[in-house]
Amino acid sequence: MATSPITDSVTRRAVLVGAAGVALVGCSNNPDASRDAPTGAAGGSGAPQRTPTSTSPVATISTAHGLATMWPNEPINIEVEHGSIGEVVVTDATGATIPGSVQDGQWRPDRGALLLGSSYHVKVSVLTAAGKPHESAEATITTVSPDLVVEADFRFADGQPVGNGMPIWVRFDMPIRDEQRAAIEKTAVVTTNPPQEGAWGWLDETTLQWRPKTYWAQGSTAHAEVNAAGLPGGDTWVLADAAADYVYGDLRVLQANIDTHTLTCLRNGEVVSILPVSMGKPGYETMTGTKLIMEKLAQVTMDSESYGVPHSSPEGYRITAYYAQRLTWSGEYFHAAPWADAAHGNSNVSHGCTGLSNANAQWLFDFTLVGDPAEFTGSTFPVQAYQTFGCWTYSWQEWQALGALI
C-alpha cells in the first residue's frame, strides 16, 4: 500500500489483511521531514535534489486459525515491518488484562488464561527502527466455542492403592492422530518416589501410558500431569490439562505355571503361598505372558453362548463363578472352581480360566489388588496387548519404541 507523510493529528486506520490478521500502516510523524533534503549551492542552477523519503512501521496481527476463530492457548502472531514490538496488552470485555508474554514475535497467553467463546482486545505498542514510539496497532480476537473437544483423564487414579503392574494411564475420549501425539507427549510429566526409570507409550489412538522399566517398587507413589490444553487433537483440540496421583503398596507377583498346575504368590520377593490350580485344556489353552488383574468380582456369570458355543454342546456351560478376577477381555479369570477340585494341581481341565478351590480362590481374592501382575508360562499361545492391560506384554525396548518422541 502506498502512503504519504501525514502529521500526528491524522488518525491512522487499521486495515484487514485476509481472514487471519490486521495490519496498521503508519507514516512519518515528522512534519518537517521535507527540510531534511539539502538545497543546491547559492546561485547554483542545476544542483541535485534529494526526494523526501520515510519508511514507517507496519504491524500485522494474526493467529493461525484467524482472529475470529482463535484456538485457546495458541499464540498471537505480531509482525512489525520497519520497526519492532514495544508492548502487547490483551484485555477481556471487562478491561482486565490477560496474563501472557512476548517472545519471538508472538504473544503467548498463560495457560488457561483465554476462555472459550470469548472476545478480547489486543493493543500492540509499535517502535520505529530507531526505537521511538509509533502508532499502536489494535485488533479484536475471538476464541471459538466448539461443539466437540478432546478430554483427557487418568484411569485407576482415585487415591486408592493399585497393583504394582498398573501403569500411569491417560485416556483421551477421542482419537489422537499420529502427527499430534508428540506435541501432547511433550507436555506429559511423571514424578515418582522413589525415582524409577520409565517411559511413555501409545497403546492405541486414545491410550497413553507410562510404565517403569520393571514393576513399581514397593511403596511407590507417582504424580502425573498432561498439560496439553489447547493442543490439537483429532479435528479439534484438548480442552483442559489433567493431573493425577497414583499409590502403590506391596509388590505382589503371581506366577502361574501351566505345566506344573501351580500358582506361586510372591510379596516383595518372598513366596507367600503356592496354590494348586487347573488351567486351560487342549483346544482351550490358557495364554502365556504377563497379564494384569483387570477387575475383581465377588461373583460373575460365565456363559459359553457369549462366544458362540450353545449350552447343549459338550463344551457348553452357564455357571456362576465366585471370587472372580478378570485377566483378559476374552474371559480368562482366576476363580473358584470347586467342581474341578480333583484336577487342581495335577491336570488342566478348564476352558482357559485358572480354577482354584473355594478356600484358595477366596484367599487369592483377598491377597491381590487390581493391577497386580500375573505371569503365565507353559503354553504356546502368547497373550496380546489388546487382550489385557497390555503394557507388560512388551519388552522394555519394544515399549520405548511406542513413544511418539523417539
Protein backbone atom coordinates (compact mmCIF):
# COMPACT_ATOMS: atom_id res chain seq x y z
CA MET A 1 0.00 0.00 0.00
CA ALA A 2 1.44 3.38 -0.96
CA THR A 3 1.47 6.03 1.77
CA SER A 4 2.41 9.63 2.10
CA PRO A 5 3.67 11.60 5.09
CA ILE A 6 0.94 12.79 7.45
CA THR A 7 1.03 14.64 10.72
CA ASP A 8 0.23 13.37 14.19
CA SER A 9 -3.21 14.92 14.01
CA VAL A 10 -4.30 12.45 11.34
CA THR A 11 -5.88 9.23 12.65
CA ARG A 12 -4.27 6.01 11.43
CA ARG A 13 -6.58 3.28 10.20
CA ALA A 14 -6.25 -0.48 10.63
CA VAL A 15 -6.99 -2.46 7.52
CA LEU A 16 -7.97 -6.13 7.30
CA VAL A 17 -5.35 -8.50 5.91
CA GLY A 18 -7.14 -11.63 4.70
CA ALA A 19 -9.08 -13.51 7.36
CA ALA A 20 -6.23 -14.03 9.74
CA GLY A 21 -4.92 -10.63 10.72
CA VAL A 22 -4.97 -6.87 10.60
CA ALA A 23 -2.24 -4.53 9.55
CA LEU A 24 -1.63 -0.99 10.68
CA VAL A 25 0.15 1.22 8.13
CA GLY A 26 1.75 4.19 9.87
CA CYS A 27 3.53 7.14 8.24
CA SER A 28 6.10 9.64 9.31
CA ASN A 29 5.23 11.67 12.36
CA ASN A 30 7.75 14.36 11.39
CA PRO A 31 6.02 17.34 9.66
CA ASP A 32 9.42 18.81 8.91
CA ALA A 33 10.72 15.80 7.03
CA SER A 34 10.98 17.84 3.80
CA ARG A 35 13.53 20.11 5.42
CA ASP A 36 15.94 17.17 5.65
CA ALA A 37 16.68 17.47 1.92
CA PRO A 38 19.67 19.76 1.20
CA THR A 39 19.30 22.54 -1.36
CA GLY A 40 21.78 23.38 -4.07
CA ALA A 41 24.57 25.89 -3.54
CA ALA A 42 23.60 29.56 -3.62
CA GLY A 43 23.38 30.82 -7.18
CA GLY A 44 23.62 27.20 -8.46
CA SER A 45 21.29 26.31 -11.25
CA GLY A 46 21.45 22.51 -11.50
CA ALA A 47 22.34 21.07 -8.09
CA PRO A 48 20.69 17.63 -7.48
CA GLN A 49 17.70 17.49 -5.08
CA ARG A 50 17.05 14.52 -2.66
CA THR A 51 13.46 13.38 -2.66
CA PRO A 52 11.94 13.31 0.86
CA THR A 53 11.51 9.67 1.97
CA SER A 54 10.01 7.99 5.03
CA THR A 55 9.72 4.32 5.99
CA SER A 56 7.16 3.83 8.76
CA PRO A 57 6.43 0.66 10.75
CA VAL A 58 3.68 -1.65 9.54
CA ALA A 59 2.29 -4.02 12.18
CA THR A 60 0.30 -7.16 11.36
CA ILE A 61 -1.67 -9.09 13.99
CA SER A 62 -2.79 -12.64 13.18
CA THR A 63 -3.42 -16.10 14.57
CA ALA A 64 -3.06 -19.49 12.98
CA HIS A 65 -6.82 -20.06 12.77
CA GLY A 66 -7.99 -16.48 12.25
CA LEU A 67 -8.78 -13.61 14.57
CA ALA A 68 -12.45 -14.55 14.75
CA THR A 69 -11.81 -18.27 15.29
CA MET A 70 -8.78 -18.39 17.54
CA TRP A 71 -7.98 -21.63 19.31
CA PRO A 72 -7.37 -21.49 23.07
CA ASN A 73 -3.76 -21.19 24.17
CA GLU A 74 -2.46 -20.60 20.66
CA PRO A 75 -0.16 -17.57 20.26
CA ILE A 76 -0.99 -14.28 18.63
CA ASN A 77 1.48 -13.56 15.84
CA ILE A 78 2.76 -9.99 15.61
CA GLU A 79 4.90 -8.95 12.68
CA VAL A 80 6.31 -5.42 12.50
CA GLU A 81 7.90 -4.31 9.26
CA HIS A 82 10.37 -1.43 9.56
CA GLY A 83 10.08 -1.48 13.34
CA SER A 84 9.68 -3.66 16.42
CA ILE A 85 7.21 -4.63 19.14
CA GLY A 86 7.15 -2.41 22.17
CA GLU A 87 4.43 -3.81 24.42
CA VAL A 88 1.42 -6.09 23.96
CA VAL A 89 -1.67 -5.70 26.14
CA VAL A 90 -4.61 -8.09 25.83
CA THR A 91 -7.79 -7.30 27.76
CA ASP A 92 -11.14 -9.00 28.18
CA ALA A 93 -14.61 -7.45 27.95
CA THR A 94 -14.30 -6.01 31.48
CA GLY A 95 -10.97 -4.38 30.71
CA ALA A 96 -8.97 -6.83 32.81
CA THR A 97 -5.51 -7.58 31.46
CA ILE A 98 -4.89 -11.15 30.34
CA PRO A 99 -1.54 -12.53 31.53
CA GLY A 100 0.89 -13.52 28.81
CA SER A 101 4.36 -12.93 27.44
CA VAL A 102 6.02 -11.78 24.22
CA GLN A 103 8.68 -13.94 22.65
CA ASP A 104 9.98 -14.34 19.11
CA GLY A 105 7.30 -12.16 17.55
CA GLN A 106 4.41 -13.80 19.40
CA TRP A 107 2.24 -13.02 22.36
CA ARG A 108 1.56 -16.22 24.27
CA PRO A 109 -1.24 -16.36 26.82
CA ASP A 110 -0.59 -18.01 30.15
CA ARG A 111 -2.08 -21.49 30.23
CA GLY A 112 -5.84 -21.33 30.64
CA ALA A 113 -5.92 -17.53 30.51
CA LEU A 114 -8.16 -17.33 27.42
CA LEU A 115 -11.66 -18.75 27.71
CA LEU A 116 -13.67 -20.47 25.01
CA GLY A 117 -16.24 -18.39 23.15
CA SER A 118 -14.85 -15.07 24.38
CA SER A 119 -13.63 -11.86 22.76
CA TYR A 120 -10.50 -9.93 23.65
CA HIS A 121 -8.91 -6.65 22.63
CA VAL A 122 -5.27 -6.64 21.53
CA LYS A 123 -3.16 -3.49 21.59
CA VAL A 124 0.41 -3.56 20.29
CA SER A 125 2.71 -0.65 21.01
CA VAL A 126 4.99 -0.28 17.99
CA LEU A 127 8.50 1.16 17.90
CA THR A 128 10.24 2.62 14.87
CA ALA A 129 13.51 1.25 13.59
CA ALA A 130 15.18 3.92 15.71
CA GLY A 131 13.38 2.65 18.81
CA LYS A 132 10.97 5.57 19.09
CA PRO A 133 7.28 5.10 19.95
CA HIS A 134 4.96 4.87 16.97
CA GLU A 135 1.25 4.42 16.44
CA SER A 136 -0.25 1.39 18.23
CA ALA A 137 -1.84 -1.47 16.34
CA GLU A 138 -5.12 -2.86 17.65
CA ALA A 139 -7.35 -5.83 16.90
CA THR A 140 -10.16 -7.90 18.32
CA ILE A 141 -9.77 -11.64 18.72
CA THR A 142 -12.49 -14.17 19.47
CA THR A 143 -11.93 -17.70 20.69
CA VAL A 144 -14.08 -20.45 19.27
CA SER A 145 -16.82 -22.32 21.08
CA PRO A 146 -16.63 -25.81 19.60
CA ASP A 147 -19.30 -28.48 19.65
CA LEU A 148 -16.70 -31.15 20.48
CA VAL A 149 -13.37 -31.08 22.30
CA VAL A 150 -10.97 -33.77 23.44
CA GLU A 151 -10.99 -34.50 27.15
CA ALA A 152 -8.19 -36.32 28.94
CA ASP A 153 -8.42 -38.16 32.23
CA PHE A 154 -6.46 -40.69 34.27
CA ARG A 155 -7.69 -44.20 34.95
CA PHE A 156 -7.25 -46.03 38.27
CA ALA A 157 -6.08 -42.85 40.00
CA ASP A 158 -8.75 -42.45 42.67
CA GLY A 159 -6.34 -42.30 45.59
CA GLN A 160 -6.66 -45.98 46.44
CA PRO A 161 -3.63 -48.28 46.18
CA VAL A 162 -3.32 -50.26 42.94
CA GLY A 163 -1.19 -53.22 41.99
CA ASN A 164 2.43 -52.62 41.12
CA GLY A 165 1.95 -53.55 37.48
CA MET A 166 -0.59 -50.80 36.86
CA PRO A 167 0.77 -48.12 34.51
CA ILE A 168 0.00 -44.43 34.70
CA TRP A 169 -2.90 -44.40 32.31
CA VAL A 170 -4.08 -41.38 30.31
CA ARG A 171 -7.27 -41.83 28.34
CA PHE A 172 -8.47 -39.43 25.63
CA ASP A 173 -12.15 -39.54 24.75
CA MET A 174 -11.48 -39.02 21.04
CA PRO A 175 -8.72 -40.36 18.80
CA ILE A 176 -5.38 -38.54 18.69
CA ARG A 177 -3.70 -38.63 15.29
CA ASP A 178 -0.17 -39.91 14.85
CA GLU A 179 1.18 -36.48 13.95
CA GLN A 180 -0.41 -34.90 17.05
CA ARG A 181 0.96 -37.30 19.64
CA ALA A 182 4.49 -35.96 20.04
CA ALA A 183 3.28 -32.48 20.99
CA ILE A 184 0.94 -33.94 23.60
CA GLU A 185 3.54 -36.34 24.94
CA LYS A 186 5.98 -33.43 25.40
CA THR A 187 3.58 -31.95 27.95
CA ALA A 188 3.34 -35.19 29.95
CA VAL A 189 5.35 -35.30 33.17
CA VAL A 190 5.78 -38.05 35.77
CA THR A 191 7.41 -37.70 39.19
CA THR A 192 7.99 -40.94 41.08
CA ASN A 193 9.04 -41.66 44.65
CA PRO A 194 11.41 -43.42 44.81
CA PRO A 195 12.83 -42.36 41.42
CA GLN A 196 12.33 -45.05 38.78
CA GLU A 197 13.22 -45.29 35.13
CA GLY A 198 10.21 -45.36 32.85
CA ALA A 199 8.77 -44.23 29.54
CA TRP A 200 5.56 -43.19 27.82
CA GLY A 201 3.99 -45.37 25.17
CA TRP A 202 0.90 -45.08 22.98
CA LEU A 203 -1.05 -48.33 23.05
CA ASP A 204 -3.63 -47.01 20.62
CA GLU A 205 -5.11 -43.72 19.40
CA THR A 206 -6.81 -42.96 22.73
CA THR A 207 -4.42 -44.51 25.26
CA LEU A 208 -1.13 -43.06 26.53
CA GLN A 209 0.60 -44.92 29.37
CA TRP A 210 3.77 -44.54 31.43
CA ARG A 211 5.31 -47.66 32.92
CA PRO A 212 8.56 -48.21 34.76
CA LYS A 213 11.25 -50.43 33.31
CA THR A 214 10.34 -53.08 35.89
CA TYR A 215 7.33 -53.34 38.19
CA TRP A 216 6.77 -50.44 40.57
CA ALA A 217 8.94 -50.66 43.67
CA GLN A 218 7.29 -51.45 46.98
CA GLY A 219 5.52 -48.40 48.44
CA SER A 220 5.91 -46.23 45.33
CA THR A 221 3.93 -43.08 44.66
CA ALA A 222 3.68 -41.16 41.40
CA HIS A 223 2.36 -37.77 40.34
CA ALA A 224 1.48 -37.35 36.67
CA GLU A 225 0.42 -34.38 34.56
CA VAL A 226 -0.59 -33.88 30.95
CA ASN A 227 -0.57 -30.15 30.28
CA ALA A 228 -1.96 -30.35 26.77
CA ALA A 229 -4.85 -27.88 26.95
CA GLY A 230 -5.25 -26.12 23.62
CA LEU A 231 -3.14 -28.57 21.63
CA PRO A 232 -4.64 -30.13 18.51
CA GLY A 233 -6.37 -33.45 18.99
CA GLY A 234 -8.27 -35.09 16.16
CA ASP A 235 -10.33 -32.44 14.37
CA THR A 236 -10.42 -30.21 17.45
CA TRP A 237 -8.12 -29.78 20.47
CA VAL A 238 -7.60 -30.84 24.06
CA LEU A 239 -9.91 -28.93 26.36
CA ALA A 240 -8.01 -28.93 29.66
CA ASP A 241 -4.91 -30.10 31.46
CA ALA A 242 -5.16 -33.21 33.63
CA ALA A 243 -3.26 -34.44 36.67
CA ALA A 244 -3.41 -37.44 38.99
CA ASP A 245 -1.65 -39.25 41.81
CA TYR A 246 -1.01 -42.99 42.00
CA VAL A 247 -0.35 -45.03 45.12
CA TYR A 248 1.32 -48.46 45.08
CA GLY A 249 1.81 -50.79 48.03
CA ASP A 250 3.46 -54.17 48.40
CA LEU A 251 4.86 -55.70 45.22
CA ARG A 252 2.71 -58.78 44.62
CA VAL A 253 3.53 -61.02 41.67
CA LEU A 254 1.61 -64.15 40.69
CA GLN A 255 3.49 -66.82 38.73
CA ALA A 256 1.25 -69.38 37.03
CA ASN A 257 2.89 -72.47 35.58
CA ILE A 258 0.57 -74.24 33.17
CA ASP A 259 2.72 -77.39 33.07
CA THR A 260 3.05 -77.86 36.82
CA HIS A 261 -0.51 -76.66 37.60
CA THR A 262 0.71 -74.25 40.29
CA LEU A 263 0.25 -70.59 41.15
CA THR A 264 3.16 -69.15 43.12
CA CYS A 265 2.24 -65.99 45.03
CA LEU A 266 5.04 -63.58 45.94
CA ARG A 267 5.01 -60.45 48.06
CA ASN A 268 8.05 -58.17 47.95
CA GLY A 269 10.12 -61.01 46.50
CA GLU A 270 9.17 -63.62 49.09
CA VAL A 271 7.00 -66.66 48.36
CA VAL A 272 3.81 -66.41 50.40
CA SER A 273 1.91 -69.39 49.02
CA ILE A 274 1.97 -71.97 46.24
CA LEU A 275 -1.58 -72.84 45.21
CA PRO A 276 -2.70 -75.89 43.20
CA VAL A 277 -4.67 -74.84 40.12
CA SER A 278 -6.13 -76.13 36.88
CA MET A 279 -5.86 -74.17 33.65
CA GLY A 280 -6.99 -74.49 30.03
CA LYS A 281 -7.32 -77.93 28.49
CA PRO A 282 -6.23 -78.74 24.93
CA GLY A 283 -8.18 -76.57 22.49
CA TYR A 284 -8.80 -74.02 25.24
CA GLU A 285 -5.22 -73.35 26.33
CA THR A 286 -4.58 -70.56 28.78
CA MET A 287 -2.47 -67.81 27.20
CA THR A 288 1.09 -67.21 28.34
CA GLY A 289 2.68 -63.85 29.11
CA THR A 290 2.10 -61.14 31.67
CA LYS A 291 -1.49 -60.13 32.34
CA LEU A 292 -2.77 -57.68 34.91
CA ILE A 293 -5.71 -58.23 37.21
CA MET A 294 -8.28 -56.04 35.48
CA GLU A 295 -11.22 -56.24 37.87
CA LYS A 296 -12.36 -58.19 40.92
CA LEU A 297 -15.91 -59.53 41.15
CA ALA A 298 -17.38 -61.44 44.08
CA GLN A 299 -19.33 -63.44 41.54
CA VAL A 300 -19.79 -63.50 37.79
CA THR A 301 -21.92 -65.48 35.35
CA MET A 302 -19.90 -67.31 32.72
CA ASP A 303 -21.82 -68.43 29.64
CA SER A 304 -20.40 -70.35 26.67
CA GLU A 305 -23.04 -68.83 24.40
CA SER A 306 -21.25 -65.47 24.81
CA TYR A 307 -18.65 -66.80 22.38
CA GLY A 308 -20.93 -68.97 20.24
CA VAL A 309 -20.96 -72.35 21.98
CA PRO A 310 -24.54 -73.43 22.81
CA HIS A 311 -25.40 -74.82 26.19
CA SER A 312 -26.40 -78.10 24.53
CA SER A 313 -22.86 -78.61 23.21
CA PRO A 314 -20.49 -80.97 25.10
CA GLU A 315 -18.39 -77.83 25.71
CA GLY A 316 -21.38 -75.66 26.61
CA TYR A 317 -21.86 -74.20 30.09
CA ARG A 318 -23.51 -71.50 32.14
CA ILE A 319 -22.12 -71.18 35.63
CA THR A 320 -21.81 -68.70 38.47
CA ALA A 321 -18.17 -68.33 39.46
CA TYR A 322 -17.13 -66.85 42.80
CA TYR A 323 -14.05 -64.83 43.77
CA ALA A 324 -13.52 -63.95 40.11
CA GLN A 325 -10.57 -61.82 38.99
CA ARG A 326 -10.52 -60.88 35.32
CA LEU A 327 -7.23 -61.29 33.42
CA THR A 328 -8.29 -60.81 29.77
CA TRP A 329 -11.15 -59.20 27.88
CA SER A 330 -11.84 -62.56 26.25
CA GLY A 331 -12.75 -64.10 29.60
CA GLU A 332 -9.74 -65.55 31.38
CA TYR A 333 -10.16 -65.30 35.16
CA PHE A 334 -8.87 -66.57 38.43
CA HIS A 335 -11.96 -68.01 40.12
CA ALA A 336 -13.26 -70.71 42.40
CA ALA A 337 -13.93 -73.96 40.56
CA PRO A 338 -14.99 -76.49 43.21
CA TRP A 339 -16.37 -78.82 40.53
CA ALA A 340 -12.77 -79.38 39.40
CA ASP A 341 -11.13 -79.85 42.82
CA ALA A 342 -9.86 -83.26 41.77
CA ALA A 343 -7.90 -81.67 38.91
CA HIS A 344 -6.31 -78.83 40.87
CA GLY A 345 -2.56 -79.36 40.98
CA ASN A 346 -2.46 -82.26 38.52
CA SER A 347 -4.28 -81.54 35.23
CA ASN A 348 -5.74 -78.80 33.08
CA VAL A 349 -9.48 -79.12 32.51
CA SER A 350 -10.84 -75.58 32.17
CA HIS A 351 -11.88 -73.51 29.15
CA GLY A 352 -8.96 -71.13 29.72
CA CYS A 353 -9.51 -69.83 33.24
CA THR A 354 -7.34 -70.61 36.23
CA GLY A 355 -9.50 -72.53 38.66
CA LEU A 356 -8.90 -72.96 42.38
CA SER A 357 -10.67 -74.47 45.37
CA ASN A 358 -13.16 -72.22 47.12
CA ALA A 359 -10.80 -71.61 50.03
CA ASN A 360 -7.79 -70.83 47.82
CA ALA A 361 -9.83 -68.63 45.48
CA GLN A 362 -11.05 -66.60 48.46
CA TRP A 363 -7.52 -66.30 49.85
CA LEU A 364 -6.22 -65.12 46.47
CA PHE A 365 -9.10 -62.67 46.10
CA ASP A 366 -8.18 -61.08 49.44
CA PHE A 367 -4.44 -61.11 48.65
CA THR A 368 -4.47 -59.18 45.37
CA LEU A 369 -5.26 -55.72 44.03
CA VAL A 370 -6.38 -54.61 40.60
CA GLY A 371 -3.15 -54.03 38.67
CA ASP A 372 -1.17 -56.89 40.18
CA PRO A 373 0.84 -58.74 37.51
CA ALA A 374 0.22 -62.39 36.76
CA GLU A 375 2.97 -64.11 34.77
CA PHE A 376 1.87 -67.22 32.89
CA THR A 377 4.27 -69.78 31.41
CA GLY A 378 3.84 -73.14 29.74
CA SER A 379 1.71 -72.76 26.61
CA THR A 380 2.40 -71.69 23.05
CA PHE A 381 -0.32 -69.03 22.87
CA PRO A 382 1.03 -65.62 23.96
CA VAL A 383 -1.40 -63.01 25.21
CA GLN A 384 -1.60 -59.87 23.06
CA ALA A 385 -1.56 -56.32 24.39
CA TYR A 386 -5.16 -55.63 23.38
CA GLN A 387 -6.40 -58.69 25.30
CA THR A 388 -5.39 -57.43 28.75
CA PHE A 389 -3.99 -54.28 30.34
CA GLY A 390 -1.14 -54.84 27.97
CA CYS A 391 1.86 -52.66 28.77
CA TRP A 392 3.80 -55.64 30.16
CA THR A 393 3.33 -57.73 27.04
CA TYR A 394 6.15 -55.63 25.54
CA SER A 395 9.85 -55.88 26.29
CA TRP A 396 11.44 -52.69 27.61
CA GLN A 397 12.91 -51.93 24.18
CA GLU A 398 9.58 -52.56 22.46
CA TRP A 399 7.79 -50.36 24.97
CA GLN A 400 10.15 -47.43 24.46
CA ALA A 401 9.52 -47.66 20.71
CA LEU A 402 5.83 -46.91 21.34
CA GLY A 403 6.64 -43.36 22.44
CA ALA A 404 6.00 -40.53 19.99
CA LEU A 405 9.25 -38.73 20.84
CA ILE A 406 11.72 -41.41 19.80
